[in-house]
Amino acid sequence: MTTLSAEIQSFREQFMANVPDEVVQTLLGETEKLVATGIAERALGVGDKFPDAELIDAHGSDVSLGELLKNGPTIINFYRGEWCPYCNLEINAFQRALPDIRAKEAQMVAISPQVPDKSLTVEEKHNLEFPVLSDIGNKLARDLGLVFDLSEALKVAYANFGFPLPDYNGDESWTLPIPATYVVDKNGLITYSFVDADYSQRAEPEEVLASI
């Protein structure tokens, strides 16, 4: 079976080969700067209490994260947006793993800063059988310590790629969560965490499953 990391590596090589070198250097340089800030190390992790939040599902209904967690162990994946190819590879890998997740009596949810309409697009495009919730304004992600402000160089690069974040997120903040996947128990405690400031690094579903 092909691993998520292998899928990401294959995509990354193709992507980098087809993007101007100056753009590649911008993306790599800005990622290195973000990693150097230590944001991933400061984020909440194993043993911490996962913050409660009221989120919105893809159909515009309110969802209490605290109530959701009472249903059992929950994999919570922070999804940057339907514009992000790395996120799409990751979310599809978790969809493939969903039968194994359910076999462990666990559940899966993805959370993004996108407005509900964009979350609905994600669910429909990828035939997801788990919800994608909207964390408007990155409030929950900020409580976890995951949020960063995009540099001017990244704003230009993303806009040139056709990824105007204000159109996806419904605000002018130009902020995103760094990649993060948590397992949270029914008491709200984090039992597994994967947090990395490099957007090309993602949690392997098999590793996440093994933690449950």
Foldseek 3Di string as FASTA:
>chain_A
DDWLLNVLVVVVVVVCVPDDPVLVCLLVVVLVVQQVVCLQVPFDAFQDFQDWDWWAWLVGDTDTVLVVQLQWKEKEWEAAFPVDPSSLSVQLLVQVCQVVCVVVSYYYEYEYLFDSPRQVVSCVVSVHPHIYIHPQPCPSLVVRSFKDADDPSVCVSCVVVVNNPCVGNVDDRRMTGFTKIFIATSVRGTQGMDGGSNNSDHDTPVVVSVSD
